Amino acid sequence: MLKDWQLAMLEDYGLMNTNTGLINRVARRLAESPNNVIETEEFRRACLSSGVDPDSFTQSDLEQLQRKLNELT
């Protein structure tokens, strides 16, 4: 049985299929980009390569993604 802090770490690194975990997974992929501005196609590629449907992102999800990217970069 995993402890709460272990679950939080897994989610933070995008290793869980929770909404936050999926957003973090995409953020970590985008953080590897050398570009300062993420274009739509790069966003879509990062989502698809992370196993996330890019069309499922809501405005709230995009804001959470931006916060995570700011944290990572």
C-alpha atoms as a PDB file:
ATOM      1  CA  MET A   1       0.000   0.000   0.000  1.00  0.00           C
ATOM      2  CA  LEU A   2       1.396   3.361  -1.010  1.00  0.00           C
ATOM      3  CA  LYS A   3       1.474   6.227   1.443  1.00  0.00           C
ATOM      4  CA  ASP A   4      -0.094   9.606   0.634  1.00  0.00           C
ATOM      5  CA  TRP A   5       3.266  11.266  -0.028  1.00  0.00           C
ATOM      6  CA  GLN A   6       4.197   8.481  -2.440  1.00  0.00           C
ATOM      7  CA  LEU A   7       0.939   8.908  -4.356  1.00  0.00           C
ATOM      8  CA  ALA A   8       1.511  12.670  -4.488  1.00  0.00           C
ATOM      9  CA  MET A   9       5.002  12.133  -5.883  1.00  0.00           C
ATOM     10  CA  LEU A  10       3.728   9.754  -8.537  1.00  0.00           C
ATOM     11  CA  GLU A  11       1.076  12.271  -9.537  1.00  0.00           C
ATOM     12  CA  ASP A  12       3.591  15.131  -9.578  1.00  0.00           C
ATOM     13  CA  TYR A  13       5.772  13.202 -12.015  1.00  0.00           C
ATOM     14  CA  GLY A  14       2.780  12.354 -14.213  1.00  0.00           C
ATOM     15  CA  LEU A  15       2.848   8.672 -13.409  1.00  0.00           C
ATOM     16  CA  MET A  16      -0.816   8.509 -12.395  1.00  0.00           C
ATOM     17  CA  ASN A  17      -3.807   8.746 -14.686  1.00  0.00           C
ATOM     18  CA  THR A  18      -5.565  11.334 -12.564  1.00  0.00           C
ATOM     19  CA  ASN A  19      -6.394  14.659 -14.205  1.00  0.00           C
ATOM     20  CA  THR A  20      -3.494  16.355 -12.396  1.00  0.00           C
ATOM     21  CA  GLY A  21      -1.186  13.460 -13.219  1.00  0.00           C
ATOM     22  CA  LEU A  22      -1.988  13.719 -16.932  1.00  0.00           C
ATOM     23  CA  ILE A  23      -1.453  17.478 -16.928  1.00  0.00           C
ATOM     24  CA  ASN A  24       1.865  17.029 -15.127  1.00  0.00           C
ATOM     25  CA  ARG A  25       2.898  14.379 -17.654  1.00  0.00           C
ATOM     26  CA  VAL A  26       2.329  16.811 -20.535  1.00  0.00           C
ATOM     27  CA  ALA A  27       4.021  19.655 -18.628  1.00  0.00           C
ATOM     28  CA  ARG A  28       7.141  17.582 -18.043  1.00  0.00           C
ATOM     29  CA  ARG A  29       7.260  16.712 -21.758  1.00  0.00           C
ATOM     30  CA  LEU A  30       6.838  20.368 -22.750  1.00  0.00           C
ATOM     31  CA  ALA A  31       9.469  21.480 -20.217  1.00  0.00           C
ATOM     32  CA  GLU A  32      12.023  19.567 -22.301  1.00  0.00           C
ATOM     33  CA  SER A  33      11.325  21.841 -25.270  1.00  0.00           C
ATOM     34  CA  PRO A  34      14.016  24.368 -26.192  1.00  0.00           C
ATOM     35  CA  ASN A  35      11.274  26.790 -27.311  1.00  0.00           C
ATOM     36  CA  ASN A  36      10.151  29.673 -25.133  1.00  0.00           C
ATOM     37  CA  VAL A  37       6.728  29.713 -26.759  1.00  0.00           C
ATOM     38  CA  ILE A  38       4.790  26.495 -27.185  1.00  0.00           C
ATOM     39  CA  GLU A  39       2.867  26.368 -30.447  1.00  0.00           C
ATOM     40  CA  THR A  40      -0.341  24.383 -30.868  1.00  0.00           C
ATOM     41  CA  GLU A  41       1.320  21.596 -32.832  1.00  0.00           C
ATOM     42  CA  GLU A  42       4.037  21.137 -30.220  1.00  0.00           C
ATOM     43  CA  PHE A  43       1.369  21.020 -27.505  1.00  0.00           C
ATOM     44  CA  ARG A  44      -0.596  18.412 -29.461  1.00  0.00           C
ATOM     45  CA  ARG A  45       2.527  16.289 -30.075  1.00  0.00           C
ATOM     46  CA  ALA A  46       3.442  16.427 -26.375  1.00  0.00           C
ATOM     47  CA  CYS A  47      -0.069  15.348 -25.423  1.00  0.00           C
ATOM     48  CA  LEU A  48      -0.206  12.490 -27.915  1.00  0.00           C
ATOM     49  CA  SER A  49       3.259  11.221 -27.017  1.00  0.00           C
ATOM     50  CA  SER A  50       2.186  11.297 -23.346  1.00  0.00           C
ATOM     51  CA  GLY A  51      -0.999   9.361 -24.019  1.00  0.00           C
ATOM     52  CA  VAL A  52      -3.258  12.358 -23.355  1.00  0.00           C
ATOM     53  CA  ASP A  53      -6.049  13.580 -25.640  1.00  0.00           C
ATOM     54  CA  PRO A  54      -5.167  17.210 -26.442  1.00  0.00           C
ATOM     55  CA  ASP A  55      -8.831  17.982 -27.174  1.00  0.00           C
ATOM     56  CA  SER A  56      -9.800  17.041 -23.622  1.00  0.00           C
ATOM     57  CA  PHE A  57      -8.038  20.069 -22.093  1.00  0.00           C
ATOM     58  CA  THR A  58     -10.333  22.664 -20.577  1.00  0.00           C
ATOM     59  CA  GLN A  59      -9.326  26.255 -19.880  1.00  0.00           C
ATOM     60  CA  SER A  60      -8.779  25.287 -16.256  1.00  0.00           C
ATOM     61  CA  ASP A  61      -6.509  22.423 -17.350  1.00  0.00           C
ATOM     62  CA  LEU A  62      -4.489  24.788 -19.541  1.00  0.00           C
ATOM     63  CA  GLU A  63      -4.063  27.175 -16.613  1.00  0.00           C
ATOM     64  CA  GLN A  64      -2.891  24.291 -14.412  1.00  0.00           C
ATOM     65  CA  LEU A  65      -0.511  23.228 -17.190  1.00  0.00           C
ATOM     66  CA  GLN A  66       0.916  26.758 -17.349  1.00  0.00           C
ATOM     67  CA  ARG A  67       1.457  26.828 -13.572  1.00  0.00           C
ATOM     68  CA  LYS A  68       3.264  23.480 -13.717  1.00  0.00           C
ATOM     69  CA  LEU A  69       5.444  24.654 -16.615  1.00  0.00           C
ATOM     70  CA  ASN A  70       6.340  27.804 -14.674  1.00  0.00           C
ATOM     71  CA  GLU A  71       7.309  25.610 -11.737  1.00  0.00           C
ATOM     72  CA  LEU A  72       9.453  23.313 -13.898  1.00  0.00           C
ATOM     73  CA  THR A  73      11.277  25.976 -15.896  1.00  0.00           C
END
